[in-house]
Amino acid sequence: MSRNYGGYSQYLGAQRCCDLRGQGPQGPQGPTGPAAIGPIGNTGPAGMGFTGPTGRSCRGPEGPTGPTGSKTFIIDHPIDANKHLVHVCLEGPEAGVYYRGKGEIRNEKWAEIELPKYVDSLAYDFTVQITPIYSGEIVTLNASEVENGRFYVYGKNAKFYWTVYGKRYDIEVEPDKGSVEIKGNGPYLYI
C-alpha cells in the first residue's frame, strides 16, 4: 500500500513510491554525526535504495495507470466542440505537447509537414527535430519554424523522422511548499 510521504513525490503529482524498502548505496553522512541515521531516502548513512524520489523501490500504482500503462486524460477539442482530445502524459518541467511522424523529400528541395489543424489553438513556442534515415549516404536536412500549423524540411531527397514539441502554458516548476495547496486523492495529486 502506498503512503503519502509528501515532498518530492507529491510535487510530481503522484504517490509513486511503495513501502518496499531495500538496502541501497551508502548515502552521505547525516547532519548529526557518524552514528545518526539520516531521514528516509538517500541522505543519511544508512541510505535506502534510491530508485524512486523518496528512496524506495518505485513501482507506482498497479494496472493501466501504473508503470505498464499510461496516464490518459481528456481535454476539450480546441476547434471542434463535438469532439474530445485524448492525450497521454509525457512528464517534464513544462506543460508540453508533442507530435511526431515520418516524412520524405522527393523533389530534391523540400517536404511540407502539416500538423493537426488545432495545433496553433493548443500550443506555441514549437521546436522541430529532424532525424534523417540512412539510405547509403549521409544527408544534411534543415527545418523551418512552425508557422500556421506546418513546417518545411529542406535538403536532398531523403526519408526522415520528425518530432515537434510545443508548450501549452507556463507552470511554476519549483513552488515553495507553503505557497501551494495540494489537491486530489489517491495516486493523482496535483497543484
N, C-alpha and C. Protein backbone atom coordinates (compact mmCIF):
# COMPACT_ATOMS: atom_id res chain seq x y z
N MET A 1 0.85 -1.19 0.00
CA MET A 1 0.00 0.00 0.00
C MET A 1 0.88 1.23 0.00
N SER A 2 0.60 2.15 -0.83
CA SER A 2 1.38 3.37 -0.93
C SER A 2 0.93 4.36 0.14
N ARG A 3 1.89 5.05 0.73
CA ARG A 3 1.59 6.09 1.71
C ARG A 3 2.00 7.43 1.16
N ASN A 4 1.45 8.48 1.72
CA ASN A 4 1.79 9.83 1.30
C ASN A 4 2.94 10.32 2.16
N TYR A 5 4.13 10.46 1.57
CA TYR A 5 5.29 10.93 2.30
C TYR A 5 5.57 12.40 2.06
N GLY A 6 4.76 13.06 1.23
CA GLY A 6 4.95 14.49 0.98
C GLY A 6 6.18 14.75 0.14
N GLY A 7 6.58 15.99 0.09
CA GLY A 7 7.80 16.37 -0.59
C GLY A 7 7.79 16.11 -2.07
N TYR A 8 8.90 15.57 -2.56
CA TYR A 8 9.14 15.47 -3.99
C TYR A 8 8.08 14.65 -4.72
N SER A 9 7.67 13.49 -4.14
CA SER A 9 6.68 12.69 -4.87
C SER A 9 5.35 13.41 -4.95
N GLN A 10 4.98 14.17 -3.93
CA GLN A 10 3.76 14.96 -4.00
C GLN A 10 3.91 16.04 -5.06
N TYR A 11 5.07 16.66 -5.08
CA TYR A 11 5.32 17.72 -6.05
C TYR A 11 5.17 17.20 -7.47
N LEU A 12 5.61 15.95 -7.71
CA LEU A 12 5.50 15.38 -9.04
C LEU A 12 4.05 15.10 -9.42
N GLY A 13 3.15 15.13 -8.44
CA GLY A 13 1.75 14.93 -8.76
C GLY A 13 1.29 13.50 -8.63
N ALA A 14 2.04 12.66 -7.96
CA ALA A 14 1.61 11.28 -7.80
C ALA A 14 2.27 10.66 -6.59
N GLN A 15 1.59 9.69 -5.97
CA GLN A 15 2.20 8.87 -4.93
C GLN A 15 2.77 7.67 -5.64
N ARG A 16 4.04 7.69 -5.93
CA ARG A 16 4.60 6.65 -6.76
C ARG A 16 5.33 5.58 -5.98
N CYS A 17 5.88 5.91 -4.86
CA CYS A 17 6.82 5.00 -4.23
C CYS A 17 6.15 4.18 -3.15
N CYS A 18 6.37 2.88 -3.26
CA CYS A 18 5.71 1.98 -2.33
C CYS A 18 6.53 1.83 -1.06
N ASP A 19 6.03 1.00 -0.13
CA ASP A 19 6.68 0.83 1.16
C ASP A 19 7.74 -0.27 1.15
N LEU A 20 8.04 -0.85 0.00
CA LEU A 20 9.08 -1.88 -0.05
C LEU A 20 10.43 -1.20 -0.03
N ARG A 21 11.15 -1.42 1.05
CA ARG A 21 12.46 -0.79 1.18
C ARG A 21 13.54 -1.82 0.95
N GLY A 22 14.60 -1.42 0.33
CA GLY A 22 15.74 -2.29 0.14
C GLY A 22 17.01 -1.52 0.42
N GLN A 23 18.07 -2.24 0.82
CA GLN A 23 19.32 -1.57 1.11
C GLN A 23 19.88 -1.00 -0.17
N GLY A 24 20.25 0.25 -0.13
CA GLY A 24 20.80 0.93 -1.30
C GLY A 24 22.25 1.30 -1.06
N PRO A 25 22.83 2.05 -1.96
CA PRO A 25 24.20 2.51 -1.77
C PRO A 25 24.31 3.40 -0.53
N GLN A 26 25.51 3.45 0.03
CA GLN A 26 25.75 4.27 1.21
C GLN A 26 25.51 5.73 0.88
N GLY A 27 24.66 6.40 1.66
CA GLY A 27 24.41 7.83 1.47
C GLY A 27 25.48 8.66 2.16
N PRO A 28 25.50 9.96 1.92
CA PRO A 28 26.45 10.82 2.63
C PRO A 28 26.13 10.86 4.11
N GLN A 29 27.10 11.20 4.89
CA GLN A 29 26.92 11.23 6.34
C GLN A 29 25.83 12.22 6.72
N GLY A 30 24.97 11.82 7.67
CA GLY A 30 23.87 12.66 8.13
C GLY A 30 24.35 13.86 8.92
N PRO A 31 23.45 14.82 9.19
CA PRO A 31 23.84 16.07 9.80
C PRO A 31 24.27 15.99 11.26
N THR A 32 23.92 14.91 12.00
CA THR A 32 24.26 14.89 13.42
C THR A 32 25.44 13.99 13.76
N GLY A 33 26.16 13.48 12.78
CA GLY A 33 27.36 12.72 13.08
C GLY A 33 27.28 11.30 12.57
N PRO A 34 28.38 10.55 12.78
CA PRO A 34 28.51 9.23 12.17
C PRO A 34 27.50 8.20 12.68
N ALA A 35 26.96 8.34 13.89
CA ALA A 35 26.05 7.34 14.42
C ALA A 35 24.60 7.62 14.04
N ALA A 36 24.32 8.77 13.49
CA ALA A 36 22.93 9.14 13.20
C ALA A 36 22.43 8.46 11.94
N ILE A 37 21.19 8.06 11.97
CA ILE A 37 20.52 7.54 10.78
C ILE A 37 19.80 8.71 10.14
N GLY A 38 20.10 9.01 8.92
CA GLY A 38 19.50 10.15 8.23
C GLY A 38 18.04 9.92 7.93
N PRO A 39 17.38 10.92 7.40
CA PRO A 39 15.97 10.77 7.04
C PRO A 39 15.80 9.70 5.97
N ILE A 40 14.59 9.19 5.85
CA ILE A 40 14.32 8.18 4.84
C ILE A 40 14.74 8.72 3.50
N GLY A 41 15.42 7.91 2.75
CA GLY A 41 15.90 8.34 1.44
C GLY A 41 17.38 8.11 1.32
N ASN A 42 18.05 8.86 0.52
CA ASN A 42 19.46 8.61 0.27
C ASN A 42 20.34 9.68 0.93
N THR A 43 19.86 10.31 2.01
CA THR A 43 20.65 11.39 2.60
C THR A 43 21.37 10.99 3.87
N GLY A 44 21.05 9.90 4.50
CA GLY A 44 21.70 9.52 5.75
C GLY A 44 22.67 8.38 5.53
N PRO A 45 23.46 8.03 6.57
CA PRO A 45 24.46 7.00 6.41
C PRO A 45 23.88 5.64 6.07
N ALA A 46 22.65 5.35 6.52
CA ALA A 46 22.07 4.05 6.21
C ALA A 46 21.72 3.96 4.74
N GLY A 47 21.30 5.06 4.15
CA GLY A 47 21.00 5.11 2.73
C GLY A 47 20.05 4.03 2.26
N MET A 48 18.84 4.35 1.97
CA MET A 48 17.92 3.37 1.40
C MET A 48 18.12 3.41 -0.11
N GLY A 49 17.72 2.35 -0.80
CA GLY A 49 17.84 2.33 -2.25
C GLY A 49 17.14 3.54 -2.85
N PHE A 50 17.78 4.24 -3.76
CA PHE A 50 17.16 5.46 -4.26
C PHE A 50 16.69 5.31 -5.70
N THR A 51 15.86 4.29 -5.92
CA THR A 51 15.30 4.13 -7.25
C THR A 51 14.09 5.02 -7.45
N GLY A 52 13.53 5.58 -6.40
CA GLY A 52 12.39 6.48 -6.52
C GLY A 52 12.71 7.78 -5.84
N PRO A 53 11.85 8.80 -5.99
CA PRO A 53 12.15 10.12 -5.44
C PRO A 53 12.31 10.15 -3.93
N THR A 54 11.68 9.22 -3.20
CA THR A 54 11.82 9.23 -1.74
C THR A 54 12.74 8.13 -1.25
N GLY A 55 13.46 7.45 -2.13
CA GLY A 55 14.40 6.43 -1.72
C GLY A 55 13.80 5.05 -1.58
N ARG A 56 12.64 4.80 -2.07
CA ARG A 56 12.02 3.48 -2.00
C ARG A 56 12.01 2.87 -3.40
N SER A 57 11.86 1.55 -3.45
CA SER A 57 11.69 0.91 -4.74
C SER A 57 10.41 1.45 -5.34
N CYS A 58 10.49 2.02 -6.49
CA CYS A 58 9.36 2.76 -7.04
C CYS A 58 8.62 1.91 -8.06
N ARG A 59 7.46 1.40 -7.69
CA ARG A 59 6.68 0.59 -8.61
C ARG A 59 5.50 1.36 -9.16
N GLY A 60 4.97 2.29 -8.43
CA GLY A 60 3.80 3.03 -8.89
C GLY A 60 2.54 2.21 -8.74
N PRO A 61 1.39 2.80 -9.07
CA PRO A 61 0.14 2.08 -8.96
C PRO A 61 0.09 0.92 -9.95
N GLU A 62 -0.65 -0.11 -9.61
CA GLU A 62 -0.78 -1.28 -10.48
C GLU A 62 -1.86 -1.02 -11.52
N GLY A 63 -1.82 -1.78 -12.60
CA GLY A 63 -2.89 -1.70 -13.58
C GLY A 63 -2.62 -0.69 -14.67
N PRO A 64 -3.67 -0.23 -15.35
CA PRO A 64 -3.48 0.58 -16.55
C PRO A 64 -2.89 1.96 -16.31
N THR A 65 -2.85 2.43 -15.06
CA THR A 65 -2.25 3.74 -14.81
C THR A 65 -0.85 3.62 -14.25
N GLY A 66 -0.36 2.43 -14.05
CA GLY A 66 0.95 2.23 -13.46
C GLY A 66 2.05 2.17 -14.50
N PRO A 67 3.19 1.59 -14.09
CA PRO A 67 4.36 1.60 -14.96
C PRO A 67 4.15 0.86 -16.28
N THR A 68 3.20 -0.07 -16.33
CA THR A 68 2.97 -0.78 -17.59
C THR A 68 1.86 -0.13 -18.41
N GLY A 69 1.21 0.87 -17.87
CA GLY A 69 0.13 1.53 -18.59
C GLY A 69 0.47 2.97 -18.86
N SER A 70 -0.56 3.82 -18.98
CA SER A 70 -0.33 5.22 -19.27
C SER A 70 -1.34 6.06 -18.52
N LYS A 71 -0.99 7.32 -18.30
CA LYS A 71 -1.90 8.28 -17.68
C LYS A 71 -2.57 9.05 -18.80
N THR A 72 -3.80 8.68 -19.13
CA THR A 72 -4.52 9.39 -20.18
C THR A 72 -5.41 10.45 -19.57
N PHE A 73 -5.72 11.44 -20.36
CA PHE A 73 -6.65 12.47 -19.92
C PHE A 73 -7.36 13.03 -21.14
N ILE A 74 -8.52 13.60 -20.89
CA ILE A 74 -9.34 14.15 -21.96
C ILE A 74 -9.41 15.66 -21.79
N ILE A 75 -9.24 16.37 -22.91
CA ILE A 75 -9.39 17.81 -22.89
C ILE A 75 -10.39 18.18 -23.99
N ASP A 76 -10.99 19.35 -23.85
CA ASP A 76 -11.91 19.81 -24.88
C ASP A 76 -11.14 20.04 -26.17
N HIS A 77 -11.72 19.66 -27.27
CA HIS A 77 -11.11 19.90 -28.58
C HIS A 77 -11.12 21.41 -28.82
N PRO A 78 -9.98 22.02 -29.15
CA PRO A 78 -9.93 23.47 -29.25
C PRO A 78 -10.68 24.08 -30.42
N ILE A 79 -10.99 23.28 -31.47
CA ILE A 79 -11.71 23.87 -32.61
C ILE A 79 -12.96 23.09 -33.01
N ASP A 80 -13.27 21.96 -32.34
CA ASP A 80 -14.48 21.20 -32.67
C ASP A 80 -15.19 20.85 -31.36
N ALA A 81 -16.26 21.57 -31.04
CA ALA A 81 -16.99 21.39 -29.78
C ALA A 81 -17.64 20.02 -29.66
N ASN A 82 -17.75 19.27 -30.74
CA ASN A 82 -18.36 17.94 -30.71
C ASN A 82 -17.36 16.83 -30.43
N LYS A 83 -16.10 17.20 -30.22
CA LYS A 83 -15.06 16.18 -30.03
C LYS A 83 -14.28 16.44 -28.75
N HIS A 84 -13.63 15.36 -28.26
CA HIS A 84 -12.64 15.43 -27.19
C HIS A 84 -11.28 15.18 -27.82
N LEU A 85 -10.22 15.60 -27.15
CA LEU A 85 -8.86 15.16 -27.48
C LEU A 85 -8.41 14.26 -26.33
N VAL A 86 -7.94 13.07 -26.64
CA VAL A 86 -7.40 12.17 -25.63
C VAL A 86 -5.89 12.22 -25.76
N HIS A 87 -5.22 12.65 -24.70
CA HIS A 87 -3.77 12.71 -24.68
C HIS A 87 -3.23 11.83 -23.57
N VAL A 88 -1.96 11.51 -23.64
CA VAL A 88 -1.27 10.70 -22.65
C VAL A 88 -0.14 11.54 -22.08
N CYS A 89 0.12 11.39 -20.78
CA CYS A 89 1.13 12.22 -20.11
C CYS A 89 2.55 11.83 -20.50
N LEU A 90 3.34 12.82 -20.84
CA LEU A 90 4.77 12.71 -21.02
C LEU A 90 5.34 13.67 -20.00
N GLU A 91 6.06 13.17 -19.00
CA GLU A 91 6.44 14.01 -17.87
C GLU A 91 7.65 14.89 -18.18
N GLY A 92 7.60 16.11 -17.68
CA GLY A 92 8.67 17.06 -17.84
C GLY A 92 8.34 18.34 -17.11
N PRO A 93 9.27 19.29 -17.05
CA PRO A 93 9.06 20.52 -16.28
C PRO A 93 8.30 21.60 -17.04
N GLU A 94 7.42 21.22 -17.96
CA GLU A 94 6.57 22.18 -18.64
C GLU A 94 5.29 21.46 -19.05
N ALA A 95 4.26 22.24 -19.30
CA ALA A 95 3.02 21.67 -19.85
C ALA A 95 3.20 21.64 -21.35
N GLY A 96 3.72 20.53 -21.85
CA GLY A 96 4.06 20.45 -23.25
C GLY A 96 3.26 19.41 -24.00
N VAL A 97 3.32 19.51 -25.31
CA VAL A 97 2.72 18.52 -26.21
C VAL A 97 3.77 18.16 -27.26
N TYR A 98 3.59 17.03 -27.87
CA TYR A 98 4.48 16.67 -28.96
C TYR A 98 3.70 15.99 -30.07
N TYR A 99 4.26 16.08 -31.26
CA TYR A 99 3.73 15.42 -32.44
C TYR A 99 4.92 14.82 -33.15
N ARG A 100 4.74 13.67 -33.77
CA ARG A 100 5.87 13.05 -34.45
C ARG A 100 5.39 12.28 -35.66
N GLY A 101 6.31 12.00 -36.56
CA GLY A 101 5.94 11.25 -37.75
C GLY A 101 7.13 10.97 -38.64
N LYS A 102 6.84 10.56 -39.85
CA LYS A 102 7.87 10.22 -40.83
C LYS A 102 7.55 10.99 -42.10
N GLY A 103 8.58 11.53 -42.74
CA GLY A 103 8.38 12.28 -43.97
C GLY A 103 9.42 11.92 -45.01
N GLU A 104 9.28 12.53 -46.19
CA GLU A 104 10.23 12.25 -47.26
C GLU A 104 10.31 13.46 -48.19
N ILE A 105 11.54 13.83 -48.53
CA ILE A 105 11.77 14.83 -49.58
C ILE A 105 11.90 14.06 -50.89
N ARG A 106 11.08 14.45 -51.87
CA ARG A 106 11.06 13.75 -53.16
C ARG A 106 11.43 14.65 -54.33
N ASN A 107 11.56 15.95 -54.10
CA ASN A 107 11.81 16.90 -55.21
C ASN A 107 13.20 17.53 -55.16
N GLU A 108 14.11 16.93 -54.36
CA GLU A 108 15.49 17.45 -54.18
C GLU A 108 15.51 18.83 -53.54
N LYS A 109 14.40 19.29 -52.97
CA LYS A 109 14.35 20.62 -52.37
C LYS A 109 13.76 20.62 -50.97
N TRP A 110 12.50 20.20 -50.82
CA TRP A 110 11.82 20.33 -49.54
C TRP A 110 10.62 19.38 -49.45
N ALA A 111 10.16 19.20 -48.22
CA ALA A 111 8.91 18.48 -47.93
C ALA A 111 8.13 19.31 -46.94
N GLU A 112 6.82 19.36 -47.11
CA GLU A 112 5.95 20.09 -46.19
C GLU A 112 5.33 19.09 -45.23
N ILE A 113 5.38 19.43 -43.96
CA ILE A 113 4.74 18.62 -42.93
C ILE A 113 3.62 19.44 -42.32
N GLU A 114 2.42 18.91 -42.40
CA GLU A 114 1.26 19.60 -41.85
C GLU A 114 0.87 18.96 -40.52
N LEU A 115 0.76 19.77 -39.51
CA LEU A 115 0.36 19.32 -38.18
C LEU A 115 -1.16 19.34 -38.08
N PRO A 116 -1.74 18.75 -37.02
CA PRO A 116 -3.20 18.80 -36.87
C PRO A 116 -3.72 20.24 -36.91
N LYS A 117 -4.92 20.41 -37.42
CA LYS A 117 -5.49 21.75 -37.61
C LYS A 117 -5.61 22.54 -36.33
N TYR A 118 -5.75 21.86 -35.21
CA TYR A 118 -5.94 22.55 -33.92
C TYR A 118 -4.66 23.00 -33.26
N VAL A 119 -3.49 22.66 -33.80
CA VAL A 119 -2.23 22.83 -33.08
C VAL A 119 -1.96 24.29 -32.69
N ASP A 120 -2.26 25.25 -33.55
CA ASP A 120 -2.00 26.66 -33.20
C ASP A 120 -2.94 27.16 -32.11
N SER A 121 -4.08 26.52 -31.94
CA SER A 121 -5.01 26.90 -30.87
C SER A 121 -4.64 26.24 -29.55
N LEU A 122 -3.81 25.22 -29.59
CA LEU A 122 -3.48 24.44 -28.39
C LEU A 122 -2.12 24.79 -27.80
N ALA A 123 -1.14 25.11 -28.64
CA ALA A 123 0.23 25.27 -28.14
C ALA A 123 0.97 26.36 -28.91
N TYR A 124 2.19 26.68 -28.40
CA TYR A 124 3.04 27.71 -29.01
C TYR A 124 4.49 27.37 -28.70
N ASP A 125 5.42 28.21 -29.13
CA ASP A 125 6.85 28.02 -28.86
C ASP A 125 7.32 26.63 -29.30
N PHE A 126 7.10 26.31 -30.56
CA PHE A 126 7.40 24.99 -31.10
C PHE A 126 8.89 24.82 -31.41
N THR A 127 9.37 23.62 -31.24
CA THR A 127 10.71 23.24 -31.71
C THR A 127 10.55 22.02 -32.61
N VAL A 128 11.38 21.95 -33.64
CA VAL A 128 11.32 20.86 -34.61
C VAL A 128 12.64 20.11 -34.57
N GLN A 129 12.57 18.78 -34.52
CA GLN A 129 13.76 17.95 -34.59
C GLN A 129 13.61 16.99 -35.77
N ILE A 130 14.66 16.86 -36.56
CA ILE A 130 14.66 16.01 -37.75
C ILE A 130 15.75 14.96 -37.60
N THR A 131 15.42 13.71 -37.89
CA THR A 131 16.40 12.63 -37.90
C THR A 131 16.38 11.96 -39.26
N PRO A 132 17.43 12.18 -40.08
CA PRO A 132 17.47 11.52 -41.40
C PRO A 132 17.58 10.00 -41.24
N ILE A 133 16.96 9.27 -42.16
CA ILE A 133 17.05 7.81 -42.18
C ILE A 133 18.11 7.44 -43.21
N TYR A 134 19.14 6.75 -42.77
CA TYR A 134 20.28 6.43 -43.64
C TYR A 134 19.85 5.52 -44.79
N SER A 135 20.29 5.89 -46.00
CA SER A 135 19.96 5.08 -47.19
C SER A 135 21.17 4.97 -48.12
N GLY A 136 22.35 4.87 -47.55
CA GLY A 136 23.55 4.72 -48.36
C GLY A 136 24.44 5.94 -48.38
N GLU A 137 23.91 7.10 -48.06
CA GLU A 137 24.74 8.30 -47.97
C GLU A 137 24.25 9.17 -46.82
N ILE A 138 25.16 9.95 -46.30
CA ILE A 138 24.83 10.85 -45.19
C ILE A 138 24.28 12.14 -45.79
N VAL A 139 23.11 12.55 -45.32
CA VAL A 139 22.49 13.78 -45.82
C VAL A 139 22.30 14.76 -44.67
N THR A 140 22.31 16.02 -45.03
CA THR A 140 22.03 17.08 -44.06
C THR A 140 20.65 17.65 -44.37
N LEU A 141 19.80 17.70 -43.36
CA LEU A 141 18.46 18.24 -43.51
C LEU A 141 18.28 19.40 -42.55
N ASN A 142 17.50 20.39 -42.96
CA ASN A 142 17.21 21.55 -42.11
C ASN A 142 15.70 21.74 -42.07
N ALA A 143 15.22 22.29 -40.97
CA ALA A 143 13.78 22.50 -40.81
C ALA A 143 13.49 23.98 -40.60
N SER A 144 12.33 24.39 -41.09
CA SER A 144 11.85 25.75 -40.83
C SER A 144 11.19 25.79 -39.45
N GLU A 145 10.78 26.97 -39.04
CA GLU A 145 9.97 27.09 -37.84
C GLU A 145 8.54 26.68 -38.19
N VAL A 146 7.77 26.34 -37.16
CA VAL A 146 6.36 26.02 -37.36
C VAL A 146 5.59 27.32 -37.51
N GLU A 147 4.87 27.45 -38.62
CA GLU A 147 4.01 28.61 -38.87
C GLU A 147 2.71 28.12 -39.48
N ASN A 148 1.60 28.61 -38.96
CA ASN A 148 0.28 28.22 -39.46
C ASN A 148 0.09 26.70 -39.50
N GLY A 149 0.58 26.04 -38.45
CA GLY A 149 0.36 24.60 -38.33
C GLY A 149 1.16 23.73 -39.26
N ARG A 150 2.25 24.24 -39.82
CA ARG A 150 3.06 23.45 -40.73
C ARG A 150 4.52 23.89 -40.66
N PHE A 151 5.40 23.00 -41.13
CA PHE A 151 6.81 23.36 -41.25
C PHE A 151 7.37 22.64 -42.48
N TYR A 152 8.57 23.06 -42.89
CA TYR A 152 9.21 22.51 -44.08
C TYR A 152 10.56 21.92 -43.70
N VAL A 153 10.91 20.84 -44.38
CA VAL A 153 12.21 20.21 -44.21
C VAL A 153 12.93 20.34 -45.55
N TYR A 154 14.16 20.88 -45.50
CA TYR A 154 14.92 21.19 -46.71
C TYR A 154 16.13 20.27 -46.84
N GLY A 155 16.45 19.88 -48.06
CA GLY A 155 17.63 19.07 -48.33
C GLY A 155 17.46 18.23 -49.58
N LYS A 156 18.38 17.28 -49.77
CA LYS A 156 18.30 16.33 -50.88
C LYS A 156 17.17 15.34 -50.62
N ASN A 157 16.83 14.56 -51.64
CA ASN A 157 15.83 13.51 -51.46
C ASN A 157 16.26 12.59 -50.32
N ALA A 158 15.38 12.42 -49.36
CA ALA A 158 15.69 11.59 -48.21
C ALA A 158 14.42 11.34 -47.41
N LYS A 159 14.41 10.24 -46.68
CA LYS A 159 13.37 9.95 -45.70
C LYS A 159 13.87 10.42 -44.34
N PHE A 160 12.93 10.78 -43.48
CA PHE A 160 13.33 11.29 -42.16
C PHE A 160 12.19 11.10 -41.16
N TYR A 161 12.57 11.08 -39.90
CA TYR A 161 11.61 11.13 -38.80
C TYR A 161 11.59 12.57 -38.31
N TRP A 162 10.45 13.02 -37.82
CA TRP A 162 10.35 14.37 -37.28
C TRP A 162 9.60 14.33 -35.95
N THR A 163 9.97 15.26 -35.09
CA THR A 163 9.28 15.46 -33.82
C THR A 163 9.12 16.96 -33.62
N VAL A 164 7.92 17.37 -33.23
CA VAL A 164 7.65 18.76 -32.91
C VAL A 164 7.18 18.81 -31.46
N TYR A 165 7.83 19.66 -30.67
CA TYR A 165 7.42 19.89 -29.29
C TYR A 165 6.84 21.29 -29.20
N GLY A 166 5.80 21.43 -28.39
CA GLY A 166 5.19 22.73 -28.18
C GLY A 166 4.84 22.91 -26.71
N LYS A 167 4.65 24.14 -26.32
CA LYS A 167 4.30 24.46 -24.93
C LYS A 167 2.84 24.87 -24.88
N ARG A 168 2.08 24.27 -23.96
CA ARG A 168 0.67 24.64 -23.81
C ARG A 168 0.53 25.89 -22.96
N TYR A 169 1.27 25.95 -21.85
CA TYR A 169 1.26 27.11 -20.97
C TYR A 169 2.42 26.98 -19.99
N ASP A 170 2.77 28.08 -19.34
CA ASP A 170 3.86 28.07 -18.37
C ASP A 170 3.36 27.53 -17.03
N ILE A 171 4.24 26.87 -16.31
CA ILE A 171 3.95 26.41 -14.95
C ILE A 171 5.08 26.84 -14.04
N GLU A 172 4.79 26.94 -12.75
CA GLU A 172 5.85 27.20 -11.77
C GLU A 172 6.47 25.86 -11.42
N VAL A 173 7.72 25.66 -11.78
CA VAL A 173 8.37 24.36 -11.68
C VAL A 173 8.79 24.03 -10.24
N GLU A 174 9.21 25.00 -9.45
CA GLU A 174 9.70 24.73 -8.10
C GLU A 174 9.00 25.63 -7.08
N PRO A 175 7.69 25.43 -6.85
CA PRO A 175 6.99 26.29 -5.88
C PRO A 175 7.40 25.96 -4.45
N ASP A 176 7.38 26.96 -3.58
CA ASP A 176 7.59 26.71 -2.16
C ASP A 176 6.42 25.92 -1.64
N LYS A 177 6.67 24.95 -0.77
CA LYS A 177 5.61 24.10 -0.24
C LYS A 177 4.52 24.91 0.45
N GLY A 178 4.89 26.00 1.11
CA GLY A 178 3.90 26.80 1.83
C GLY A 178 3.05 27.68 0.93
N SER A 179 3.41 27.78 -0.34
CA SER A 179 2.67 28.67 -1.23
C SER A 179 1.67 27.95 -2.14
N VAL A 180 1.56 26.62 -2.00
CA VAL A 180 0.65 25.87 -2.86
C VAL A 180 -0.27 24.98 -2.03
N GLU A 181 -1.39 24.65 -2.59
CA GLU A 181 -2.34 23.73 -1.96
C GLU A 181 -2.35 22.45 -2.79
N ILE A 182 -2.04 21.32 -2.15
CA ILE A 182 -2.06 20.02 -2.83
C ILE A 182 -3.51 19.57 -2.93
N LYS A 183 -3.93 19.17 -4.13
CA LYS A 183 -5.30 18.73 -4.36
C LYS A 183 -5.29 17.29 -4.84
N GLY A 184 -6.44 16.66 -4.84
CA GLY A 184 -6.56 15.30 -5.34
C GLY A 184 -6.63 14.29 -4.23
N ASN A 185 -6.72 13.02 -4.65
CA ASN A 185 -6.84 11.92 -3.70
C ASN A 185 -6.21 10.70 -4.36
N GLY A 186 -5.63 9.84 -3.55
CA GLY A 186 -5.03 8.62 -4.10
C GLY A 186 -3.75 8.93 -4.84
N PRO A 187 -3.50 8.19 -5.91
CA PRO A 187 -2.22 8.34 -6.60
C PRO A 187 -2.11 9.60 -7.45
N TYR A 188 -3.22 10.33 -7.67
CA TYR A 188 -3.17 11.51 -8.53
C TYR A 188 -3.31 12.77 -7.71
N LEU A 189 -2.19 13.28 -7.25
CA LEU A 189 -2.15 14.55 -6.52
C LEU A 189 -1.66 15.61 -7.48
N TYR A 190 -2.12 16.81 -7.30
CA TYR A 190 -1.73 17.88 -8.20
C TYR A 190 -1.83 19.21 -7.48
N ILE A 191 -1.26 20.25 -8.11
CA ILE A 191 -1.30 21.60 -7.56
C ILE A 191 -2.28 22.40 -8.39
